[in-house]
PDB file of all heavy atoms in Angstrom:
ATOM      1  N   PRO A   1     100.300  91.930 111.027  1.00  0.00           N
ATOM      2  CA  PRO A   1     100.678  90.669 111.674  1.00  0.00           C
ATOM      3  C   PRO A   1     102.187  90.552 111.905  1.00  0.00           C
ATOM      4  O   PRO A   1     102.628  90.023 112.931  1.00  0.00           O
ATOM      5  CB  PRO A   1     100.187  89.598 110.688  1.00  0.00           C
ATOM      6  CG  PRO A   1      99.038  90.248 109.988  1.00  0.00           C
ATOM      7  CD  PRO A   1      99.433  91.697 109.867  1.00  0.00           C
ATOM      8  N   GLU A   2     102.959  91.086 110.965  1.00  0.00           N
ATOM      9  CA  GLU A   2     104.421  90.997 111.077  1.00  0.00           C
ATOM     10  C   GLU A   2     104.970  91.872 112.196  1.00  0.00           C
ATOM     11  O   GLU A   2     106.083  91.651 112.671  1.00  0.00           O
ATOM     12  CB  GLU A   2     105.066  91.396 109.736  1.00  0.00           C
ATOM     13  CG  GLU A   2     104.716  90.489 108.581  1.00  0.00           C
ATOM     14  CD  GLU A   2     103.327  90.747 107.959  1.00  0.00           C
ATOM     15  OE1 GLU A   2     102.700  91.811 108.244  1.00  0.00           O
ATOM     16  OE2 GLU A   2     102.867  89.892 107.204  1.00  0.00           O
ATOM     17  N   GLN A   3     104.227  92.859 112.644  1.00  0.00           N
ATOM     18  CA  GLN A   3     104.669  93.765 113.708  1.00  0.00           C
ATOM     19  C   GLN A   3     104.237  93.314 115.102  1.00  0.00           C
ATOM     20  O   GLN A   3     104.643  93.928 116.090  1.00  0.00           O
ATOM     21  CB  GLN A   3     104.101  95.175 113.462  1.00  0.00           C
ATOM     22  CG  GLN A   3     104.617  95.837 112.214  1.00  0.00           C
ATOM     23  CD  GLN A   3     103.879  97.140 111.917  1.00  0.00           C
ATOM     24  OE1 GLN A   3     102.657  97.195 111.999  1.00  0.00           O
ATOM     25  NE2 GLN A   3     104.624  98.176 111.572  1.00  0.00           N
ATOM     26  N   VAL A   4     103.453  92.268 115.199  1.00  0.00           N
ATOM     27  CA  VAL A   4     102.920  91.841 116.496  1.00  0.00           C
ATOM     28  C   VAL A   4     104.024  91.249 117.361  1.00  0.00           C
ATOM     29  O   VAL A   4     104.762  90.367 116.927  1.00  0.00           O
ATOM     30  CB  VAL A   4     101.781  90.812 116.319  1.00  0.00           C
ATOM     31  CG1 VAL A   4     101.364  90.222 117.661  1.00  0.00           C
ATOM     32  CG2 VAL A   4     100.600  91.445 115.621  1.00  0.00           C
ATOM     33  N   ASP A   5     104.106  91.749 118.580  1.00  0.00           N
ATOM     34  CA  ASP A   5     104.960  91.175 119.603  1.00  0.00           C
ATOM     35  C   ASP A   5     104.079  90.185 120.359  1.00  0.00           C
ATOM     36  O   ASP A   5     103.071  90.576 120.968  1.00  0.00           O
ATOM     37  CB  ASP A   5     105.464  92.297 120.525  1.00  0.00           C
ATOM     38  CG  ASP A   5     106.304  91.771 121.675  1.00  0.00           C
ATOM     39  OD1 ASP A   5     105.846  90.852 122.399  1.00  0.00           O
ATOM     40  OD2 ASP A   5     107.401  92.300 121.869  1.00  0.00           O
ATOM     41  N   LEU A   6     104.430  88.899 120.314  1.00  0.00           N
ATOM     42  CA  LEU A   6     103.562  87.871 120.899  1.00  0.00           C
ATOM     43  C   LEU A   6     103.383  88.029 122.404  1.00  0.00           C
ATOM     44  O   LEU A   6     102.312  87.713 122.934  1.00  0.00           O
ATOM     45  CB  LEU A   6     104.076  86.479 120.546  1.00  0.00           C
ATOM     46  CG  LEU A   6     103.993  86.118 119.054  1.00  0.00           C
ATOM     47  CD1 LEU A   6     104.531  84.728 118.802  1.00  0.00           C
ATOM     48  CD2 LEU A   6     102.570  86.258 118.546  1.00  0.00           C
ATOM     49  N   GLU A   7     104.389  88.531 123.103  1.00  0.00           N
ATOM     50  CA  GLU A   7     104.232  88.767 124.546  1.00  0.00           C
ATOM     51  C   GLU A   7     103.219  89.882 124.790  1.00  0.00           C
ATOM     52  O   GLU A   7     102.406  89.788 125.702  1.00  0.00           O
ATOM     53  CB  GLU A   7     105.576  89.112 125.181  1.00  0.00           C
ATOM     54  CG  GLU A   7     106.482  87.917 125.354  1.00  0.00           C
ATOM     55  CD  GLU A   7     107.768  88.274 126.074  1.00  0.00           C
ATOM     56  OE1 GLU A   7     107.799  89.271 126.843  1.00  0.00           O
ATOM     57  OE2 GLU A   7     108.749  87.547 125.877  1.00  0.00           O
ATOM     58  N   GLU A   8     103.297  90.924 123.973  1.00  0.00           N
ATOM     59  CA  GLU A   8     102.340  92.028 124.108  1.00  0.00           C
ATOM     60  C   GLU A   8     100.928  91.556 123.762  1.00  0.00           C
ATOM     61  O   GLU A   8      99.964  91.900 124.439  1.00  0.00           O
ATOM     62  CB  GLU A   8     102.745  93.187 123.194  1.00  0.00           C
ATOM     63  CG  GLU A   8     101.957  94.436 123.437  1.00  0.00           C
ATOM     64  CD  GLU A   8     102.453  95.607 122.596  1.00  0.00           C
ATOM     65  OE1 GLU A   8     103.635  95.636 122.227  1.00  0.00           O
ATOM     66  OE2 GLU A   8     101.615  96.485 122.311  1.00  0.00           O
ATOM     67  N   LEU A   9     100.814  90.730 122.725  1.00  0.00           N
ATOM     68  CA  LEU A   9      99.510  90.180 122.337  1.00  0.00           C
ATOM     69  C   LEU A   9      98.919  89.360 123.485  1.00  0.00           C
ATOM     70  O   LEU A   9      97.734  89.480 123.797  1.00  0.00           O
ATOM     71  CB  LEU A   9      99.640  89.315 121.081  1.00  0.00           C
ATOM     72  CG  LEU A   9      98.347  88.686 120.573  1.00  0.00           C
ATOM     73  CD1 LEU A   9      97.472  89.738 119.896  1.00  0.00           C
ATOM     74  CD2 LEU A   9      98.661  87.565 119.597  1.00  0.00           C
ATOM     75  N   ALA A  10      99.746  88.547 124.124  1.00  0.00           N
ATOM     76  CA  ALA A  10      99.274  87.704 125.225  1.00  0.00           C
ATOM     77  C   ALA A  10      98.794  88.542 126.410  1.00  0.00           C
ATOM     78  O   ALA A  10      97.927  88.097 127.170  1.00  0.00           O
ATOM     79  CB  ALA A  10     100.383  86.751 125.667  1.00  0.00           C
ATOM     80  N   ALA A  11      99.309  89.756 126.547  1.00  0.00           N
ATOM     81  CA  ALA A  11      98.927  90.614 127.668  1.00  0.00           C
ATOM     82  C   ALA A  11      97.673  91.439 127.380  1.00  0.00           C
ATOM     83  O   ALA A  11      97.161  92.107 128.277  1.00  0.00           O
ATOM     84  CB  ALA A  11     100.082  91.553 128.007  1.00  0.00           C
ATOM     85  N   CYS A  12      97.159  91.356 126.167  1.00  0.00           N
ATOM     86  CA  CYS A  12      95.998  92.177 125.793  1.00  0.00           C
ATOM     87  C   CYS A  12      94.696  91.597 126.335  1.00  0.00           C
ATOM     88  O   CYS A  12      94.483  90.382 126.322  1.00  0.00           O
ATOM     89  CB  CYS A  12      95.896  92.297 124.275  1.00  0.00           C
ATOM     90  SG  CYS A  12      97.107  93.419 123.570  1.00  0.00           S
ATOM     91  N   ASP A  13      93.835  92.499 126.763  1.00  0.00           N
ATOM     92  CA  ASP A  13      92.495  92.124 127.196  1.00  0.00           C
ATOM     93  C   ASP A  13      91.545  92.005 126.005  1.00  0.00           C
ATOM     94  O   ASP A  13      90.581  91.250 126.050  1.00  0.00           O
ATOM     95  CB  ASP A  13      91.933  93.188 128.147  1.00  0.00           C
ATOM     96  CG  ASP A  13      92.829  93.410 129.348  1.00  0.00           C
ATOM     97  OD1 ASP A  13      93.084  92.433 130.073  1.00  0.00           O
ATOM     98  OD2 ASP A  13      93.279  94.556 129.540  1.00  0.00           O
ATOM     99  N   LEU A  14      91.831  92.784 124.951  1.00  0.00           N
ATOM    100  CA  LEU A  14      90.971  92.830 123.766  1.00  0.00           C
ATOM    101  C   LEU A  14      91.841  92.998 122.533  1.00  0.00           C
ATOM    102  O   LEU A  14      92.719  93.866 122.507  1.00  0.00           O
ATOM    103  CB  LEU A  14      89.990  94.003 123.877  1.00  0.00           C
ATOM    104  CG  LEU A  14      89.053  94.233 122.696  1.00  0.00           C
ATOM    105  CD1 LEU A  14      88.058  93.068 122.557  1.00  0.00           C
ATOM    106  CD2 LEU A  14      88.290  95.548 122.872  1.00  0.00           C
ATOM    107  N   VAL A  15      91.591  92.162 121.511  1.00  0.00           N
ATOM    108  CA  VAL A  15      92.349  92.245 120.264  1.00  0.00           C
ATOM    109  C   VAL A  15      91.369  92.208 119.097  1.00  0.00           C
ATOM    110  O   VAL A  15      90.475  91.370 119.050  1.00  0.00           O
ATOM    111  CB  VAL A  15      93.362  91.081 120.121  1.00  0.00           C
ATOM    112  CG1 VAL A  15      94.192  91.244 118.837  1.00  0.00           C
ATOM    113  CG2 VAL A  15      94.273  90.986 121.335  1.00  0.00           C
ATOM    114  N   GLY A  16      91.563  93.150 118.169  1.00  0.00           N
ATOM    115  CA  GLY A  16      90.778  93.163 116.943  1.00  0.00           C
ATOM    116  C   GLY A  16      91.610  92.615 115.799  1.00  0.00           C
ATOM    117  O   GLY A  16      92.814  92.873 115.731  1.00  0.00           O
ATOM    118  N   PHE A  17      90.971  91.852 114.927  1.00  0.00           N
ATOM    119  CA  PHE A  17      91.638  91.275 113.761  1.00  0.00           C
ATOM    120  C   PHE A  17      90.831  91.659 112.533  1.00  0.00           C
ATOM    121  O   PHE A  17      89.631  91.360 112.472  1.00  0.00           O
ATOM    122  CB  PHE A  17      91.686  89.747 113.869  1.00  0.00           C
ATOM    123  CG  PHE A  17      92.524  89.244 115.008  1.00  0.00           C
ATOM    124  CD1 PHE A  17      91.976  89.080 116.273  1.00  0.00           C
ATOM    125  CD2 PHE A  17      93.861  88.935 114.816  1.00  0.00           C
ATOM    126  CE1 PHE A  17      92.744  88.614 117.331  1.00  0.00           C
ATOM    127  CE2 PHE A  17      94.632  88.467 115.867  1.00  0.00           C
ATOM    128  CZ  PHE A  17      94.080  88.304 117.135  1.00  0.00           C
ATOM    129  N   GLY A  18      91.471  92.316 111.549  1.00  0.00           N
ATOM    130  CA  GLY A  18      90.701  92.747 110.397  1.00  0.00           C
ATOM    131  C   GLY A  18      91.489  92.809 109.110  1.00  0.00           C
ATOM    132  O   GLY A  18      92.713  92.951 109.104  1.00  0.00           O
ATOM    133  N   SER A  19      90.743  92.727 108.011  1.00  0.00           N
ATOM    134  CA  SER A  19      91.308  92.884 106.668  1.00  0.00           C
ATOM    135  C   SER A  19      90.175  93.128 105.696  1.00  0.00           C
ATOM    136  O   SER A  19      89.001  93.031 106.055  1.00  0.00           O
ATOM    137  CB  SER A  19      92.106  91.638 106.249  1.00  0.00           C
ATOM    138  OG  SER A  19      91.253  90.599 105.799  1.00  0.00           O
ATOM    139  N   GLY A  20      90.565  93.395 104.476  1.00  0.00           N
ATOM    140  CA  GLY A  20      89.589  93.383 103.404  1.00  0.00           C
ATOM    141  C   GLY A  20      89.200  91.938 103.139  1.00  0.00           C
ATOM    142  O   GLY A  20      89.880  91.006 103.573  1.00  0.00           O
ATOM    143  N   ILE A  21      88.107  91.776 102.425  1.00  0.00           N
ATOM    144  CA  ILE A  21      87.632  90.428 102.100  1.00  0.00           C
ATOM    145  C   ILE A  21      88.017  90.115 100.658  1.00  0.00           C
ATOM    146  O   ILE A  21      87.762  90.899  99.748  1.00  0.00           O
ATOM    147  CB  ILE A  21      86.114  90.316 102.309  1.00  0.00           C
ATOM    148  CG1 ILE A  21      85.769  90.562 103.783  1.00  0.00           C
ATOM    149  CG2 ILE A  21      85.571  88.977 101.833  1.00  0.00           C
ATOM    150  CD1 ILE A  21      86.409  89.586 104.766  1.00  0.00           C
ATOM    151  N   PHE A  22      88.634  88.968 100.479  1.00  0.00           N
ATOM    152  CA  PHE A  22      89.104  88.515  99.182  1.00  0.00           C
ATOM    153  C   PHE A  22      88.493  87.148  98.902  1.00  0.00           C
ATOM    154  O   PHE A  22      88.767  86.200  99.642  1.00  0.00           O
ATOM    155  CB  PHE A  22      90.639  88.425  99.170  1.00  0.00           C
ATOM    156  CG  PHE A  22      91.293  89.753  99.440  1.00  0.00           C
ATOM    157  CD1 PHE A  22      91.510  90.180 100.746  1.00  0.00           C
ATOM    158  CD2 PHE A  22      91.663  90.590  98.401  1.00  0.00           C
ATOM    159  CE1 PHE A  22      92.092  91.406 101.009  1.00  0.00           C
ATOM    160  CE2 PHE A  22      92.248  91.822  98.650  1.00  0.00           C
ATOM    161  CZ  PHE A  22      92.457  92.230  99.958  1.00  0.00           C
ATOM    162  N   LEU A  23      87.658  87.060  97.876  1.00  0.00           N
ATOM    163  CA  LEU A  23      86.980  85.803  97.538  1.00  0.00           C
ATOM    164  C   LEU A  23      86.250  85.229  98.755  1.00  0.00           C
ATOM    165  O   LEU A  23      86.375  84.061  99.090  1.00  0.00           O
ATOM    166  CB  LEU A  23      87.958  84.787  96.950  1.00  0.00           C
ATOM    167  CG  LEU A  23      88.662  85.242  95.670  1.00  0.00           C
ATOM    168  CD1 LEU A  23      89.733  84.246  95.260  1.00  0.00           C
ATOM    169  CD2 LEU A  23      87.658  85.424  94.539  1.00  0.00           C
ATOM    170  N   MET A  24      85.511  86.104  99.448  1.00  0.00           N
ATOM    171  CA  MET A  24      84.674  85.734 100.595  1.00  0.00           C
ATOM    172  C   MET A  24      85.467  85.249 101.817  1.00  0.00           C
ATOM    173  O   MET A  24      84.959  84.508 102.647  1.00  0.00           O
ATOM    174  CB  MET A  24      83.635  84.676 100.198  1.00  0.00           C
ATOM    175  CG  MET A  24      82.650  85.171  99.153  1.00  0.00           C
ATOM    176  SD  MET A  24      81.749  86.653  99.642  1.00  0.00           S
ATOM    177  CE  MET A  24      80.789  86.051 101.009  1.00  0.00           C
ATOM    178  N   ALA A  25      86.724  85.704 101.941  1.00  0.00           N
ATOM    179  CA  ALA A  25      87.544  85.312 103.089  1.00  0.00           C
ATOM    180  C   ALA A  25      88.470  86.464 103.476  1.00  0.00           C
ATOM    181  O   ALA A  25      88.798  87.317 102.657  1.00  0.00           O
ATOM    182  CB  ALA A  25      88.371  84.072 102.752  1.00  0.00           C
ATOM    183  N   PHE A  26      88.889  86.458 104.735  1.00  0.00           N
ATOM    184  CA  PHE A  26      89.872  87.430 105.188  1.00  0.00           C
ATOM    185  C   PHE A  26      91.182  87.209 104.429  1.00  0.00           C
ATOM    186  O   PHE A  26      91.442  86.122 103.916  1.00  0.00           O
ATOM    187  CB  PHE A  26      90.097  87.291 106.697  1.00  0.00           C
ATOM    188  CG  PHE A  26      88.999  87.921 107.516  1.00  0.00           C
ATOM    189  CD1 PHE A  26      87.869  87.190 107.853  1.00  0.00           C
ATOM    190  CD2 PHE A  26      89.088  89.234 107.926  1.00  0.00           C
ATOM    191  CE1 PHE A  26      86.847  87.767 108.591  1.00  0.00           C
ATOM    192  CE2 PHE A  26      88.063  89.822 108.666  1.00  0.00           C
ATOM    193  CZ  PHE A  26      86.948  89.086 108.996  1.00  0.00           C
ATOM    194  N   HIS A  27      92.014  88.220 104.410  1.00  0.00           N
ATOM    195  CA  HIS A  27      93.284  88.152 103.690  1.00  0.00           C
ATOM    196  C   HIS A  27      94.112  86.971 104.208  1.00  0.00           C
ATOM    197  O   HIS A  27      94.155  86.720 105.418  1.00  0.00           O
ATOM    198  CB  HIS A  27      94.054  89.465 103.873  1.00  0.00           C
ATOM    199  CG  HIS A  27      95.201  89.595 102.934  1.00  0.00           C
ATOM    200  ND1 HIS A  27      96.411  88.995 103.159  1.00  0.00           N
ATOM    201  CD2 HIS A  27      95.303  90.243 101.748  1.00  0.00           C
ATOM    202  CE1 HIS A  27      97.225  89.275 102.163  1.00  0.00           C
ATOM    203  NE2 HIS A  27      96.565  90.036 101.284  1.00  0.00           N
ATOM    204  N   PRO A  28      94.799  86.251 103.304  1.00  0.00           N
ATOM    205  CA  PRO A  28      95.590  85.091 103.731  1.00  0.00           C
ATOM    206  C   PRO A  28      96.647  85.412 104.794  1.00  0.00           C
ATOM    207  O   PRO A  28      96.899  84.586 105.674  1.00  0.00           O
ATOM    208  CB  PRO A  28      96.257  84.608 102.437  1.00  0.00           C
ATOM    209  CG  PRO A  28      95.398  85.128 101.342  1.00  0.00           C
ATOM    210  CD  PRO A  28      94.788  86.406 101.851  1.00  0.00           C
ATOM    211  N   ARG A  29      97.260  86.593 104.749  1.00  0.00           N
ATOM    212  CA  ARG A  29      98.270  86.949 105.762  1.00  0.00           C
ATOM    213  C   ARG A  29      97.664  86.969 107.153  1.00  0.00           C
ATOM    214  O   ARG A  29      98.288  86.524 108.117  1.00  0.00           O
ATOM    215  CB  ARG A  29      98.885  88.318 105.460  1.00  0.00           C
ATOM    216  CG  ARG A  29     100.023  88.272 104.503  1.00  0.00           C
ATOM    217  CD  ARG A  29     100.599  89.637 104.151  1.00  0.00           C
ATOM    218  NE  ARG A  29     100.768  90.552 105.243  1.00  0.00           N
ATOM    219  CZ  ARG A  29     100.586  91.875 105.129  1.00  0.00           C
ATOM    220  NH1 ARG A  29     100.209  92.418 103.992  1.00  0.00           N
ATOM    221  NH2 ARG A  29     100.782  92.661 106.172  1.00  0.00           N
ATOM    222  N   LEU A  30      96.443  87.473 107.265  1.00  0.00           N
ATOM    223  CA  LEU A  30      95.781  87.521 108.570  1.00  0.00           C
ATOM    224  C   LEU A  30      95.399  86.121 109.025  1.00  0.00           C
ATOM    225  O   LEU A  30      95.634  85.740 110.182  1.00  0.00           O
ATOM    226  CB  LEU A  30      94.545  88.426 108.519  1.00  0.00           C
ATOM    227  CG  LEU A  30      93.854  88.658 109.865  1.00  0.00           C
ATOM    228  CD1 LEU A  30      94.758  89.422 110.828  1.00  0.00           C
ATOM    229  CD2 LEU A  30      92.549  89.406 109.661  1.00  0.00           C
ATOM    230  N   ARG A  31      94.818  85.344 108.121  1.00  0.00           N
ATOM    231  CA  ARG A  31      94.428  83.969 108.489  1.00  0.00           C
ATOM    232  C   ARG A  31      95.647  83.149 108.901  1.00  0.00           C
ATOM    233  O   ARG A  31      95.595  82.410 109.890  1.00  0.00           O
ATOM    234  CB  ARG A  31      93.686  83.308 107.327  1.00  0.00           C
ATOM    235  CG  ARG A  31      92.352  83.950 107.032  1.00  0.00           C
ATOM    236  CD  ARG A  31      91.500  83.159 106.035  1.00  0.00           C
ATOM    237  NE  ARG A  31      92.204  82.411 105.023  1.00  0.00           N
ATOM    238  CZ  ARG A  31      92.331  82.786 103.741  1.00  0.00           C
ATOM    239  NH1 ARG A  31      91.784  83.908 103.315  1.00  0.00           N
ATOM    240  NH2 ARG A  31      92.974  82.018 102.890  1.00  0.00           N
ATOM    241  N   GLU A  32      96.745  83.261 108.160  1.00  0.00           N
ATOM    242  CA  GLU A  32      97.951  82.496 108.488  1.00  0.00           C
ATOM    243  C   GLU A  32      98.528  82.934 109.837  1.00  0.00           C
ATOM    244  O   GLU A  32      99.006  82.107 110.609  1.00  0.00           O
ATOM    245  CB  GLU A  32      99.001  82.628 107.390  1.00  0.00           C
ATOM    246  CG  GLU A  32      98.664  81.830 106.144  1.00  0.00           C
ATOM    247  CD  GLU A  32      98.434  80.356 106.435  1.00  0.00           C
ATOM    248  OE1 GLU A  32      99.232  79.741 107.184  1.00  0.00           O
ATOM    249  OE2 GLU A  32      97.434  79.803 105.928  1.00  0.00           O
ATOM    250  N   PHE A  33      98.483  84.228 110.107  1.00  0.00           N
ATOM    251  CA  PHE A  33      98.968  84.719 111.392  1.00  0.00           C
ATOM    252  C   PHE A  33      98.177  84.090 112.543  1.00  0.00           C
ATOM    253  O   PHE A  33      98.762  83.584 113.501  1.00  0.00           O
ATOM    254  CB  PHE A  33      98.885  86.243 111.459  1.00  0.00           C
ATOM    255  CG  PHE A  33      99.177  86.781 112.829  1.00  0.00           C
ATOM    256  CD1 PHE A  33     100.470  86.773 113.332  1.00  0.00           C
ATOM    257  CD2 PHE A  33      98.158  87.267 113.639  1.00  0.00           C
ATOM    258  CE1 PHE A  33     100.734  87.247 114.610  1.00  0.00           C
ATOM    259  CE2 PHE A  33      98.414  87.739 114.905  1.00  0.00           C
ATOM    260  CZ  PHE A  33      99.715  87.731 115.399  1.00  0.00           C
ATOM    261  N   VAL A  34      96.867  84.118 112.442  1.00  0.00           N
ATOM    262  CA  VAL A  34      96.037  83.548 113.514  1.00  0.00           C
ATOM    263  C   VAL A  34      96.296  82.044 113.624  1.00  0.00           C
ATOM    264  O   VAL A  34      96.427  81.524 114.733  1.00  0.00           O
ATOM    265  CB  VAL A  34      94.542  83.860 113.292  1.00  0.00           C
ATOM    266  CG1 VAL A  34      93.683  83.142 114.321  1.00  0.00           C
ATOM    267  CG2 VAL A  34      94.293  85.367 113.335  1.00  0.00           C
ATOM    268  N   ARG A  35      96.398  81.354 112.497  1.00  0.00           N
ATOM    269  CA  ARG A  35      96.685  79.907 112.541  1.00  0.00           C
ATOM    270  C   ARG A  35      98.012  79.617 113.236  1.00  0.00           C
ATOM    271  O   ARG A  35      98.166  78.570 113.872  1.00  0.00           O
ATOM    272  CB  ARG A  35      96.718  79.317 111.129  1.00  0.00           C
ATOM    273  CG  ARG A  35      95.372  79.060 110.549  1.00  0.00           C
ATOM    274  CD  ARG A  35      95.488  78.261 109.234  1.00  0.00           C
ATOM    275  NE  ARG A  35      94.246  78.354 108.523  1.00  0.00           N
ATOM    276  CZ  ARG A  35      94.039  79.069 107.416  1.00  0.00           C
ATOM    277  NH1 ARG A  35      95.020  79.722 106.842  1.00  0.00           N
ATOM    278  NH2 ARG A  35      92.856  79.113 106.859  1.00  0.00           N
ATOM    279  N   SER A  36      98.980  80.530 113.097  1.00  0.00           N
ATOM    280  CA  SER A  36     100.319  80.294 113.659  1.00  0.00           C
ATOM    281  C   SER A  36     100.395  80.534 115.166  1.00  0.00           C
ATOM    282  O   SER A  36     101.376  80.157 115.799  1.00  0.00           O
ATOM    283  CB  SER A  36     101.344  81.197 112.962  1.00  0.00           C
ATOM    284  OG  SER A  36     101.224  82.541 113.402  1.00  0.00           O
ATOM    285  N   LEU A  37      99.377  81.155 115.740  1.00  0.00           N
ATOM    286  CA  LEU A  37      99.404  81.445 117.173  1.00  0.00           C
ATOM    287  C   LEU A  37      99.289  80.162 117.989  1.00  0.00           C
ATOM    288  O   LEU A  37      98.491  79.282 117.653  1.00  0.00           O
ATOM    289  CB  LEU A  37      98.250  82.377 117.554  1.00  0.00           C
ATOM    290  CG  LEU A  37      98.305  83.793 117.011  1.00  0.00           C
ATOM    291  CD1 LEU A  37      97.006  84.534 117.336  1.00  0.00           C
ATOM    292  CD2 LEU A  37      99.499  84.536 117.562  1.00  0.00           C
ATOM    293  N   PRO A  38     100.066  80.053 119.060  1.00  0.00           N
ATOM    294  CA  PRO A  38      99.904  78.886 119.931  1.00  0.00           C
ATOM    295  C   PRO A  38      98.567  78.977 120.658  1.00  0.00           C
ATOM    296  O   PRO A  38      98.074  80.063 120.939  1.00  0.00           O
ATOM    297  CB  PRO A  38     101.076  79.008 120.912  1.00  0.00           C
ATOM    298  CG  PRO A  38     101.473  80.446 120.870  1.00  0.00           C
ATOM    299  CD  PRO A  38     101.095  80.971 119.525  1.00  0.00           C
ATOM    300  N   LYS A  39      97.994  77.823 120.941  1.00  0.00           N
ATOM    301  CA  LYS A  39      96.739  77.797 121.685  1.00  0.00           C
ATOM    302  C   LYS A  39      97.054  78.022 123.157  1.00  0.00           C
ATOM    303  O   LYS A  39      97.881  77.332 123.744  1.00  0.00           O
ATOM    304  CB  LYS A  39      96.039  76.453 121.503  1.00  0.00           C
ATOM    305  CG  LYS A  39      94.693  76.419 122.175  1.00  0.00           C
ATOM    306  CD  LYS A  39      93.959  75.123 121.955  1.00  0.00           C
ATOM    307  CE  LYS A  39      92.619  75.199 122.664  1.00  0.00           C
ATOM    308  NZ  LYS A  39      91.829  74.017 122.494  1.00  0.00           N
ATOM    309  N   GLU A  40      96.413  79.044 123.719  1.00  0.00           N
ATOM    310  CA  GLU A  40      96.574  79.346 125.137  1.00  0.00           C
ATOM    311  C   GLU A  40      95.396  80.205 125.581  1.00  0.00           C
ATOM    312  O   GLU A  40      94.645  80.706 124.746  1.00  0.00           O
ATOM    313  CB  GLU A  40      97.898  80.074 125.411  1.00  0.00           C
ATOM    314  CG  GLU A  40      98.076  81.356 124.652  1.00  0.00           C
ATOM    315  CD  GLU A  40      99.482  81.948 124.821  1.00  0.00           C
ATOM    316  OE1 GLU A  40     100.467  81.258 124.525  1.00  0.00           O
ATOM    317  OE2 GLU A  40      99.548  83.095 125.255  1.00  0.00           O
TER     318      GLU A  40
END
């Protein structure tokens, strides 16, 4: 998540998001990254 260039992300046709599962949830770093994205 820390390496993502938001302009490059916006230009993607397909994006995969993944992590190990911790206490039945995706890793907090991944969840926080997705939460921080602007809605568009």
